[in-house]
Amino acid sequence: MNQWKTCLNTSTIKTTPLLEKIRVTAEAGFDAIELWINDIYEYIGQGGEVCDVESALRDCNLSIPCMIALRGWGEAVGQEYRLMLEEARRRMELAARFSSPYIVATPPREPCDLQQLTDRYGDLLEIGREVGVKPTFEYISFFQGAQTLDTAWQVVQQVGDDDATLIADAFHTWNSHSTTDLLRHIPGDRISHYHIDDGNPNVARYQQTDPDRVMISAGVIDLRAEIEMLREIGYKGMISLELFNQQLWQQDPLEVARLGKEKLDAILASSTL
């Protein structure tokens, strides 16, 4: 029996309308959905209401374990940083309205002083406590601000805040020079959320970006080993399918979601210590 609930990150069916994403996620059998705040902004901009999204989530009995994302906070300077913090607060307040415990804090695309990144992550955590949401630190293999699991874990330790956590991601760990078995040594309660995805067998490792991800079990990452490490450290969060494959976006979203759920269930069932 699987010890984790499963989640669909809606980037996997990105081009599908927001309320349809919610319906598809539930119909495919996922327990939860990972929503992008920009999708909600766009829905509101087109005349929709936040209460429409809340109603759809209730009707489909889906929770939101994590929302995406806080951006621009790591590299902003001067007055721009104050504005970025104001926008971060607005996004956290929206996440709190949806009862999402976490919101992703995305690092800069360009190189950034690690101490600055750590201090500013601390600023986000302070705002999060006021709002009732925990920003969680993300590493991205093709962003120079924080590329590796090692860097993310360093930030989480150095910020000196009990609320500090990171998102572990199979693709970003594999596609960067992360320490292969570091995940095994991070306490499970310091990992907020886990993204499962796979690397493209036809593109060189360390050179892949979001669109290169392929359906889980169709790529080259040892996902069962990753799941086994999560078991070892007592991780109790969600396992969230996160793909950005444009070929999948052109297919029927329900079929894509169902296939992802089938593959995910198979991986979880076959991964044992």
C-alpha atoms as a PDB file:
ATOM      1  CA  MET A   1       0.000   0.000   0.000  1.00  0.00           C
ATOM      2  CA  ASN A   2       1.353   3.431  -0.930  1.00  0.00           C
ATOM      3  CA  GLN A   3       2.214   5.673   2.004  1.00  0.00           C
ATOM      4  CA  TRP A   4       1.864   8.898   0.007  1.00  0.00           C
ATOM      5  CA  LYS A   5      -0.961  10.781  -1.610  1.00  0.00           C
ATOM      6  CA  THR A   6      -0.501  11.808  -5.210  1.00  0.00           C
ATOM      7  CA  CYS A   7      -0.752  15.257  -6.744  1.00  0.00           C
ATOM      8  CA  LEU A   8      -0.854  16.725 -10.246  1.00  0.00           C
ATOM      9  CA  ASN A   9       1.140  19.846 -10.967  1.00  0.00           C
ATOM     10  CA  THR A  10      -0.953  21.568 -13.611  1.00  0.00           C
ATOM     11  CA  SER A  11       2.083  22.373 -15.747  1.00  0.00           C
ATOM     12  CA  THR A  12       1.589  18.794 -16.954  1.00  0.00           C
ATOM     13  CA  ILE A  13      -1.623  19.908 -18.717  1.00  0.00           C
ATOM     14  CA  LYS A  14      -0.654  23.569 -18.940  1.00  0.00           C
ATOM     15  CA  THR A  15      -2.766  24.653 -21.932  1.00  0.00           C
ATOM     16  CA  THR A  16      -6.017  23.358 -20.420  1.00  0.00           C
ATOM     17  CA  PRO A  17      -8.360  26.009 -18.910  1.00  0.00           C
ATOM     18  CA  LEU A  18      -8.095  26.378 -15.142  1.00  0.00           C
ATOM     19  CA  LEU A  19     -11.430  24.900 -14.048  1.00  0.00           C
ATOM     20  CA  GLU A  20     -10.975  22.063 -16.526  1.00  0.00           C
ATOM     21  CA  LYS A  21      -7.575  21.345 -14.990  1.00  0.00           C
ATOM     22  CA  ILE A  22      -9.270  20.840 -11.654  1.00  0.00           C
ATOM     23  CA  ARG A  23     -11.903  18.490 -13.104  1.00  0.00           C
ATOM     24  CA  VAL A  24      -9.300  16.481 -15.035  1.00  0.00           C
ATOM     25  CA  THR A  25      -7.063  16.111 -11.978  1.00  0.00           C
ATOM     26  CA  ALA A  26      -9.892  14.679  -9.922  1.00  0.00           C
ATOM     27  CA  GLU A  27     -11.223  12.433 -12.695  1.00  0.00           C
ATOM     28  CA  ALA A  28      -7.742  10.978 -13.244  1.00  0.00           C
ATOM     29  CA  GLY A  29      -7.672   9.912  -9.597  1.00  0.00           C
ATOM     30  CA  PHE A  30      -5.182  12.320  -8.021  1.00  0.00           C
ATOM     31  CA  ASP A  31      -5.675  13.292  -4.381  1.00  0.00           C
ATOM     32  CA  ALA A  32      -4.476  16.867  -4.787  1.00  0.00           C
ATOM     33  CA  ILE A  33      -3.620  19.568  -7.292  1.00  0.00           C
ATOM     34  CA  GLU A  34      -0.659  21.958  -7.468  1.00  0.00           C
ATOM     35  CA  LEU A  35      -1.920  25.239  -8.919  1.00  0.00           C
ATOM     36  CA  TRP A  36       0.000  28.096 -10.502  1.00  0.00           C
ATOM     37  CA  ILE A  37      -0.901  31.529  -9.175  1.00  0.00           C
ATOM     38  CA  ASN A  38      -0.456  33.055 -12.636  1.00  0.00           C
ATOM     39  CA  ASP A  39      -3.257  30.781 -13.862  1.00  0.00           C
ATOM     40  CA  ILE A  40      -5.541  32.189 -11.187  1.00  0.00           C
ATOM     41  CA  TYR A  41      -4.512  35.756 -12.036  1.00  0.00           C
ATOM     42  CA  GLU A  42      -5.298  35.053 -15.695  1.00  0.00           C
ATOM     43  CA  TYR A  43      -8.670  33.525 -14.809  1.00  0.00           C
ATOM     44  CA  ILE A  44      -9.588  36.600 -12.764  1.00  0.00           C
ATOM     45  CA  GLY A  45      -8.360  38.871 -15.559  1.00  0.00           C
ATOM     46  CA  GLN A  46     -10.776  37.162 -17.932  1.00  0.00           C
ATOM     47  CA  GLY A  47     -13.705  37.885 -15.636  1.00  0.00           C
ATOM     48  CA  GLY A  48     -13.616  34.880 -13.324  1.00  0.00           C
ATOM     49  CA  GLU A  49     -13.761  34.948  -9.530  1.00  0.00           C
ATOM     50  CA  VAL A  50     -11.608  33.266  -6.924  1.00  0.00           C
ATOM     51  CA  CYS A  51     -14.758  31.758  -5.455  1.00  0.00           C
ATOM     52  CA  ASP A  52     -15.270  29.870  -8.752  1.00  0.00           C
ATOM     53  CA  VAL A  53     -11.947  28.115  -8.219  1.00  0.00           C
ATOM     54  CA  GLU A  54     -12.741  27.415  -4.566  1.00  0.00           C
ATOM     55  CA  SER A  55     -16.083  25.911  -5.561  1.00  0.00           C
ATOM     56  CA  ALA A  56     -14.491  23.692  -8.219  1.00  0.00           C
ATOM     57  CA  LEU A  57     -11.940  22.413  -5.718  1.00  0.00           C
ATOM     58  CA  ARG A  58     -14.664  21.606  -3.190  1.00  0.00           C
ATOM     59  CA  ASP A  59     -16.808  19.860  -5.793  1.00  0.00           C
ATOM     60  CA  CYS A  60     -13.826  17.726  -6.847  1.00  0.00           C
ATOM     61  CA  ASN A  61     -12.642  17.136  -3.265  1.00  0.00           C
ATOM     62  CA  LEU A  62      -9.098  18.274  -4.087  1.00  0.00           C
ATOM     63  CA  SER A  63      -6.644  19.866  -1.686  1.00  0.00           C
ATOM     64  CA  ILE A  64      -3.763  22.162  -2.644  1.00  0.00           C
ATOM     65  CA  PRO A  65      -0.546  21.124  -0.879  1.00  0.00           C
ATOM     66  CA  CYS A  66       1.604  23.739  -2.624  1.00  0.00           C
ATOM     67  CA  MET A  67       1.199  26.712  -4.965  1.00  0.00           C
ATOM     68  CA  ILE A  68       3.614  28.217  -7.508  1.00  0.00           C
ATOM     69  CA  ALA A  69       5.373  30.644  -7.295  1.00  0.00           C
ATOM     70  CA  LEU A  70       7.220  33.593  -5.739  1.00  0.00           C
ATOM     71  CA  ARG A  71       9.657  35.097  -8.243  1.00  0.00           C
ATOM     72  CA  GLY A  72      12.025  38.043  -8.481  1.00  0.00           C
ATOM     73  CA  TRP A  73      12.714  38.258  -4.753  1.00  0.00           C
ATOM     74  CA  GLY A  74      16.251  36.888  -4.923  1.00  0.00           C
ATOM     75  CA  GLU A  75      17.783  39.313  -7.415  1.00  0.00           C
ATOM     76  CA  ALA A  76      15.735  42.520  -7.042  1.00  0.00           C
ATOM     77  CA  VAL A  77      17.564  45.656  -5.876  1.00  0.00           C
ATOM     78  CA  GLY A  78      16.517  48.818  -4.062  1.00  0.00           C
ATOM     79  CA  GLN A  79      12.897  49.858  -4.461  1.00  0.00           C
ATOM     80  CA  GLU A  80      12.281  46.888  -6.725  1.00  0.00           C
ATOM     81  CA  TYR A  81      12.921  44.538  -3.806  1.00  0.00           C
ATOM     82  CA  ARG A  82      10.228  46.239  -1.723  1.00  0.00           C
ATOM     83  CA  LEU A  83       7.803  45.825  -4.599  1.00  0.00           C
ATOM     84  CA  MET A  84       8.752  42.170  -4.973  1.00  0.00           C
ATOM     85  CA  LEU A  85       8.045  41.608  -1.277  1.00  0.00           C
ATOM     86  CA  GLU A  86       4.656  43.271  -1.635  1.00  0.00           C
ATOM     87  CA  GLU A  87       3.794  40.971  -4.528  1.00  0.00           C
ATOM     88  CA  ALA A  88       5.091  38.002  -2.548  1.00  0.00           C
ATOM     89  CA  ARG A  89       2.717  38.920   0.280  1.00  0.00           C
ATOM     90  CA  ARG A  90      -0.229  39.122  -2.130  1.00  0.00           C
ATOM     91  CA  ARG A  91       0.609  35.699  -3.515  1.00  0.00           C
ATOM     92  CA  MET A  92       0.977  34.231  -0.044  1.00  0.00           C
ATOM     93  CA  GLU A  93      -2.382  35.683   0.956  1.00  0.00           C
ATOM     94  CA  LEU A  94      -3.966  34.001  -2.052  1.00  0.00           C
ATOM     95  CA  ALA A  95      -2.304  30.702  -1.143  1.00  0.00           C
ATOM     96  CA  ALA A  96      -3.606  31.079   2.414  1.00  0.00           C
ATOM     97  CA  ARG A  97      -7.122  31.618   1.069  1.00  0.00           C
ATOM     98  CA  PHE A  98      -6.839  28.240  -0.665  1.00  0.00           C
ATOM     99  CA  SER A  99      -5.469  26.652   2.544  1.00  0.00           C
ATOM    100  CA  SER A 100      -2.235  25.761   0.793  1.00  0.00           C
ATOM    101  CA  PRO A 101       0.432  25.180   3.459  1.00  0.00           C
ATOM    102  CA  TYR A 102       3.332  25.951   1.082  1.00  0.00           C
ATOM    103  CA  ILE A 103       4.218  28.322  -1.722  1.00  0.00           C
ATOM    104  CA  VAL A 104       7.290  27.883  -3.916  1.00  0.00           C
ATOM    105  CA  ALA A 105      10.128  30.416  -3.684  1.00  0.00           C
ATOM    106  CA  THR A 106      11.902  30.250  -7.047  1.00  0.00           C
ATOM    107  CA  PRO A 107      15.598  31.274  -7.267  1.00  0.00           C
ATOM    108  CA  PRO A 108      17.023  33.763  -9.803  1.00  0.00           C
ATOM    109  CA  ARG A 109      17.871  32.736 -13.344  1.00  0.00           C
ATOM    110  CA  GLU A 110      21.224  34.524 -13.132  1.00  0.00           C
ATOM    111  CA  PRO A 111      24.032  34.011 -10.579  1.00  0.00           C
ATOM    112  CA  CYS A 112      23.208  35.440  -7.157  1.00  0.00           C
ATOM    113  CA  ASP A 113      25.196  35.817  -3.959  1.00  0.00           C
ATOM    114  CA  LEU A 114      24.239  32.844  -1.801  1.00  0.00           C
ATOM    115  CA  GLN A 115      24.172  34.872   1.412  1.00  0.00           C
ATOM    116  CA  GLN A 116      21.810  37.388  -0.184  1.00  0.00           C
ATOM    117  CA  LEU A 117      19.587  34.540  -1.315  1.00  0.00           C
ATOM    118  CA  THR A 118      19.615  33.047   2.179  1.00  0.00           C
ATOM    119  CA  ASP A 119      18.828  36.361   3.888  1.00  0.00           C
ATOM    120  CA  ARG A 120      16.001  37.093   1.506  1.00  0.00           C
ATOM    121  CA  TYR A 121      14.523  33.657   1.898  1.00  0.00           C
ATOM    122  CA  GLY A 122      14.467  34.529   5.589  1.00  0.00           C
ATOM    123  CA  ASP A 123      12.468  37.673   4.748  1.00  0.00           C
ATOM    124  CA  LEU A 124       9.932  35.548   2.876  1.00  0.00           C
ATOM    125  CA  LEU A 125       9.622  33.173   5.819  1.00  0.00           C
ATOM    126  CA  GLU A 126       8.848  36.118   8.113  1.00  0.00           C
ATOM    127  CA  ILE A 127       6.068  37.321   5.823  1.00  0.00           C
ATOM    128  CA  GLY A 128       4.803  33.766   5.562  1.00  0.00           C
ATOM    129  CA  ARG A 129       4.411  33.508   9.319  1.00  0.00           C
ATOM    130  CA  GLU A 130       2.316  36.667   9.313  1.00  0.00           C
ATOM    131  CA  VAL A 131       0.129  35.350   6.486  1.00  0.00           C
ATOM    132  CA  GLY A 132      -0.051  31.679   7.478  1.00  0.00           C
ATOM    133  CA  VAL A 133       1.834  30.105   4.559  1.00  0.00           C
ATOM    134  CA  LYS A 134       5.355  28.681   4.418  1.00  0.00           C
ATOM    135  CA  PRO A 135       7.561  29.666   1.459  1.00  0.00           C
ATOM    136  CA  THR A 136       9.575  26.625   0.421  1.00  0.00           C
ATOM    137  CA  PHE A 137      12.899  26.925  -1.396  1.00  0.00           C
ATOM    138  CA  GLU A 138      13.250  25.595  -4.928  1.00  0.00           C
ATOM    139  CA  TYR A 139      16.363  24.717  -6.923  1.00  0.00           C
ATOM    140  CA  ILE A 140      16.239  24.676 -10.720  1.00  0.00           C
ATOM    141  CA  SER A 141      18.944  22.890 -12.666  1.00  0.00           C
ATOM    142  CA  PHE A 142      19.079  25.447 -15.492  1.00  0.00           C
ATOM    143  CA  PHE A 143      18.813  28.551 -13.230  1.00  0.00           C
ATOM    144  CA  GLN A 144      22.210  29.798 -12.081  1.00  0.00           C
ATOM    145  CA  GLY A 145      20.868  31.267  -8.833  1.00  0.00           C
ATOM    146  CA  ALA A 146      20.430  27.844  -7.207  1.00  0.00           C
ATOM    147  CA  GLN A 147      20.938  24.850  -9.473  1.00  0.00           C
ATOM    148  CA  THR A 148      21.476  21.902  -7.155  1.00  0.00           C
ATOM    149  CA  LEU A 149      19.852  20.081  -4.288  1.00  0.00           C
ATOM    150  CA  ASP A 150      23.088  20.757  -2.405  1.00  0.00           C
ATOM    151  CA  THR A 151      22.637  24.523  -2.730  1.00  0.00           C
ATOM    152  CA  ALA A 152      18.999  24.392  -1.679  1.00  0.00           C
ATOM    153  CA  TRP A 153      19.847  22.318   1.387  1.00  0.00           C
ATOM    154  CA  GLN A 154      22.627  24.761   2.269  1.00  0.00           C
ATOM    155  CA  VAL A 155      20.186  27.684   2.145  1.00  0.00           C
ATOM    156  CA  VAL A 156      17.617  25.831   4.238  1.00  0.00           C
ATOM    157  CA  GLN A 157      20.222  25.051   6.904  1.00  0.00           C
ATOM    158  CA  GLN A 158      21.908  28.448   6.928  1.00  0.00           C
ATOM    159  CA  VAL A 159      18.768  30.569   7.115  1.00  0.00           C
ATOM    160  CA  GLY A 160      18.356  29.404  10.719  1.00  0.00           C
ATOM    161  CA  ASP A 161      14.565  29.158  10.654  1.00  0.00           C
ATOM    162  CA  ASP A 162      12.549  26.133  11.720  1.00  0.00           C
ATOM    163  CA  ASP A 163      10.016  26.836   8.958  1.00  0.00           C
ATOM    164  CA  ALA A 164      12.664  26.554   6.223  1.00  0.00           C
ATOM    165  CA  THR A 165      12.098  23.684   3.783  1.00  0.00           C
ATOM    166  CA  LEU A 166      12.919  22.747   0.215  1.00  0.00           C
ATOM    167  CA  ILE A 167      11.157  21.100  -2.693  1.00  0.00           C
ATOM    168  CA  ALA A 168      12.953  18.002  -3.937  1.00  0.00           C
ATOM    169  CA  ASP A 169      12.708  17.378  -7.677  1.00  0.00           C
ATOM    170  CA  ALA A 170      13.882  14.242  -9.481  1.00  0.00           C
ATOM    171  CA  PHE A 171      14.559  16.052 -12.764  1.00  0.00           C
ATOM    172  CA  HIS A 172      16.466  18.992 -11.267  1.00  0.00           C
ATOM    173  CA  THR A 173      18.592  16.705  -9.106  1.00  0.00           C
ATOM    174  CA  TRP A 174      19.483  14.483 -12.072  1.00  0.00           C
ATOM    175  CA  ASN A 175      19.965  17.396 -14.515  1.00  0.00           C
ATOM    176  CA  SER A 176      22.399  19.230 -12.217  1.00  0.00           C
ATOM    177  CA  HIS A 177      25.610  18.369 -10.403  1.00  0.00           C
ATOM    178  CA  SER A 178      23.733  17.514  -7.223  1.00  0.00           C
ATOM    179  CA  THR A 179      25.176  14.930  -4.857  1.00  0.00           C
ATOM    180  CA  THR A 180      23.516  11.715  -5.969  1.00  0.00           C
ATOM    181  CA  ASP A 181      22.454  10.394  -2.571  1.00  0.00           C
ATOM    182  CA  LEU A 182      22.058  13.699  -0.689  1.00  0.00           C
ATOM    183  CA  LEU A 183      18.292  13.194  -0.545  1.00  0.00           C
ATOM    184  CA  ARG A 184      18.948  10.220   1.723  1.00  0.00           C
ATOM    185  CA  HIS A 185      20.544  12.510   4.329  1.00  0.00           C
ATOM    186  CA  ILE A 186      17.972  15.323   4.494  1.00  0.00           C
ATOM    187  CA  PRO A 187      15.402  14.933   7.298  1.00  0.00           C
ATOM    188  CA  GLY A 188      12.023  14.139   5.789  1.00  0.00           C
ATOM    189  CA  ASP A 189      10.324  17.011   7.582  1.00  0.00           C
ATOM    190  CA  ARG A 190      12.596  19.534   5.843  1.00  0.00           C
ATOM    191  CA  ILE A 191      11.214  18.522   2.449  1.00  0.00           C
ATOM    192  CA  SER A 192       7.903  20.236   1.802  1.00  0.00           C
ATOM    193  CA  HIS A 193       6.928  18.632  -1.479  1.00  0.00           C
ATOM    194  CA  TYR A 194       8.350  16.242  -4.066  1.00  0.00           C
ATOM    195  CA  HIS A 195       8.189  16.701  -7.846  1.00  0.00           C
ATOM    196  CA  ILE A 196       8.461  13.529  -9.886  1.00  0.00           C
ATOM    197  CA  ASP A 197       9.445  13.831 -13.546  1.00  0.00           C
ATOM    198  CA  ASP A 198      11.828  12.132 -15.951  1.00  0.00           C
ATOM    199  CA  GLY A 199      14.822  13.033 -18.104  1.00  0.00           C
ATOM    200  CA  ASN A 200      14.829  12.873 -21.882  1.00  0.00           C
ATOM    201  CA  PRO A 201      16.945   9.971 -23.232  1.00  0.00           C
ATOM    202  CA  ASN A 202      17.635  11.924 -26.432  1.00  0.00           C
ATOM    203  CA  VAL A 203      19.076  15.096 -24.883  1.00  0.00           C
ATOM    204  CA  ALA A 204      22.386  15.317 -23.032  1.00  0.00           C
ATOM    205  CA  ARG A 205      22.256  15.340 -19.249  1.00  0.00           C
ATOM    206  CA  TYR A 206      22.973  18.756 -17.636  1.00  0.00           C
ATOM    207  CA  GLN A 207      21.732  20.465 -20.814  1.00  0.00           C
ATOM    208  CA  GLN A 208      18.012  19.829 -20.460  1.00  0.00           C
ATOM    209  CA  THR A 209      15.342  22.404 -19.665  1.00  0.00           C
ATOM    210  CA  ASP A 210      11.644  22.200 -18.790  1.00  0.00           C
ATOM    211  CA  PRO A 211      10.310  21.117 -22.228  1.00  0.00           C
ATOM    212  CA  ASP A 212      12.737  18.178 -22.304  1.00  0.00           C
ATOM    213  CA  ARG A 213      11.021  16.384 -19.440  1.00  0.00           C
ATOM    214  CA  VAL A 214       9.220  13.225 -20.476  1.00  0.00           C
ATOM    215  CA  MET A 215       6.493  11.105 -18.934  1.00  0.00           C
ATOM    216  CA  ILE A 216       7.730   9.228 -15.890  1.00  0.00           C
ATOM    217  CA  SER A 217       9.086   5.756 -16.681  1.00  0.00           C
ATOM    218  CA  ALA A 218       9.743   6.866 -20.281  1.00  0.00           C
ATOM    219  CA  GLY A 219      13.049   8.513 -19.400  1.00  0.00           C
ATOM    220  CA  VAL A 220      16.415   7.755 -17.852  1.00  0.00           C
ATOM    221  CA  ILE A 221      16.079   8.733 -14.184  1.00  0.00           C
ATOM    222  CA  ASP A 222      16.050   5.990 -11.536  1.00  0.00           C
ATOM    223  CA  LEU A 223      12.801   7.181  -9.973  1.00  0.00           C
ATOM    224  CA  ARG A 224      12.391   4.096  -7.824  1.00  0.00           C
ATOM    225  CA  ALA A 225      15.700   4.852  -6.121  1.00  0.00           C
ATOM    226  CA  GLU A 226      14.486   8.395  -5.402  1.00  0.00           C
ATOM    227  CA  ILE A 227      11.252   7.067  -3.907  1.00  0.00           C
ATOM    228  CA  GLU A 228      13.189   4.608  -1.781  1.00  0.00           C
ATOM    229  CA  MET A 229      15.278   7.464  -0.384  1.00  0.00           C
ATOM    230  CA  LEU A 230      12.090   9.342   0.492  1.00  0.00           C
ATOM    231  CA  ARG A 231      10.907   6.255   2.362  1.00  0.00           C
ATOM    232  CA  GLU A 232      14.192   6.051   4.260  1.00  0.00           C
ATOM    233  CA  ILE A 233      14.026   9.634   5.527  1.00  0.00           C
ATOM    234  CA  GLY A 234      10.374   9.422   6.527  1.00  0.00           C
ATOM    235  CA  TYR A 235       9.066  11.935   4.014  1.00  0.00           C
ATOM    236  CA  LYS A 236       5.303  12.296   4.496  1.00  0.00           C
ATOM    237  CA  GLY A 237       4.350  14.882   1.882  1.00  0.00           C
ATOM    238  CA  MET A 238       2.866  14.576  -1.596  1.00  0.00           C
ATOM    239  CA  ILE A 239       4.333  12.987  -4.703  1.00  0.00           C
ATOM    240  CA  SER A 240       3.488  15.479  -7.450  1.00  0.00           C
ATOM    241  CA  LEU A 241       3.738  14.794 -11.193  1.00  0.00           C
ATOM    242  CA  GLU A 242       5.310  17.853 -12.846  1.00  0.00           C
ATOM    243  CA  LEU A 243       5.957  17.832 -16.593  1.00  0.00           C
ATOM    244  CA  PHE A 244       6.305  20.660 -19.129  1.00  0.00           C
ATOM    245  CA  ASN A 245       6.279  18.585 -22.280  1.00  0.00           C
ATOM    246  CA  GLN A 246       4.680  20.411 -25.203  1.00  0.00           C
ATOM    247  CA  GLN A 247       3.818  17.164 -26.975  1.00  0.00           C
ATOM    248  CA  LEU A 248       1.761  16.151 -23.955  1.00  0.00           C
ATOM    249  CA  TRP A 249       0.022  19.545 -24.000  1.00  0.00           C
ATOM    250  CA  GLN A 250      -1.246  18.751 -27.505  1.00  0.00           C
ATOM    251  CA  GLN A 251      -2.883  15.524 -26.334  1.00  0.00           C
ATOM    252  CA  ASP A 252      -6.152  14.964 -24.497  1.00  0.00           C
ATOM    253  CA  PRO A 253      -5.475  16.279 -20.963  1.00  0.00           C
ATOM    254  CA  LEU A 254      -7.516  13.591 -19.251  1.00  0.00           C
ATOM    255  CA  GLU A 255      -5.624  10.843 -21.068  1.00  0.00           C
ATOM    256  CA  VAL A 256      -2.300  12.466 -20.132  1.00  0.00           C
ATOM    257  CA  ALA A 257      -3.344  12.779 -16.489  1.00  0.00           C
ATOM    258  CA  ARG A 258      -4.628   9.206 -16.373  1.00  0.00           C
ATOM    259  CA  LEU A 259      -1.413   7.889 -17.893  1.00  0.00           C
ATOM    260  CA  GLY A 260       0.640   9.898 -15.402  1.00  0.00           C
ATOM    261  CA  LYS A 261      -1.395   8.557 -12.491  1.00  0.00           C
ATOM    262  CA  GLU A 262      -1.035   4.989 -13.767  1.00  0.00           C
ATOM    263  CA  LYS A 263       2.744   5.348 -14.124  1.00  0.00           C
ATOM    264  CA  LEU A 264       3.055   7.061 -10.756  1.00  0.00           C
ATOM    265  CA  ASP A 265       1.061   4.391  -8.955  1.00  0.00           C
ATOM    266  CA  ALA A 266       3.233   1.701 -10.545  1.00  0.00           C
ATOM    267  CA  ILE A 267       6.445   3.398  -9.395  1.00  0.00           C
ATOM    268  CA  LEU A 268       5.166   3.857  -5.851  1.00  0.00           C
ATOM    269  CA  ALA A 269       3.925   0.272  -5.661  1.00  0.00           C
ATOM    270  CA  SER A 270       7.207  -1.217  -6.861  1.00  0.00           C
ATOM    271  CA  SER A 271       9.526   0.944  -4.740  1.00  0.00           C
ATOM    272  CA  THR A 272      10.339  -0.849  -1.515  1.00  0.00           C
ATOM    273  CA  LEU A 273      13.254  -0.725   0.895  1.00  0.00           C
END
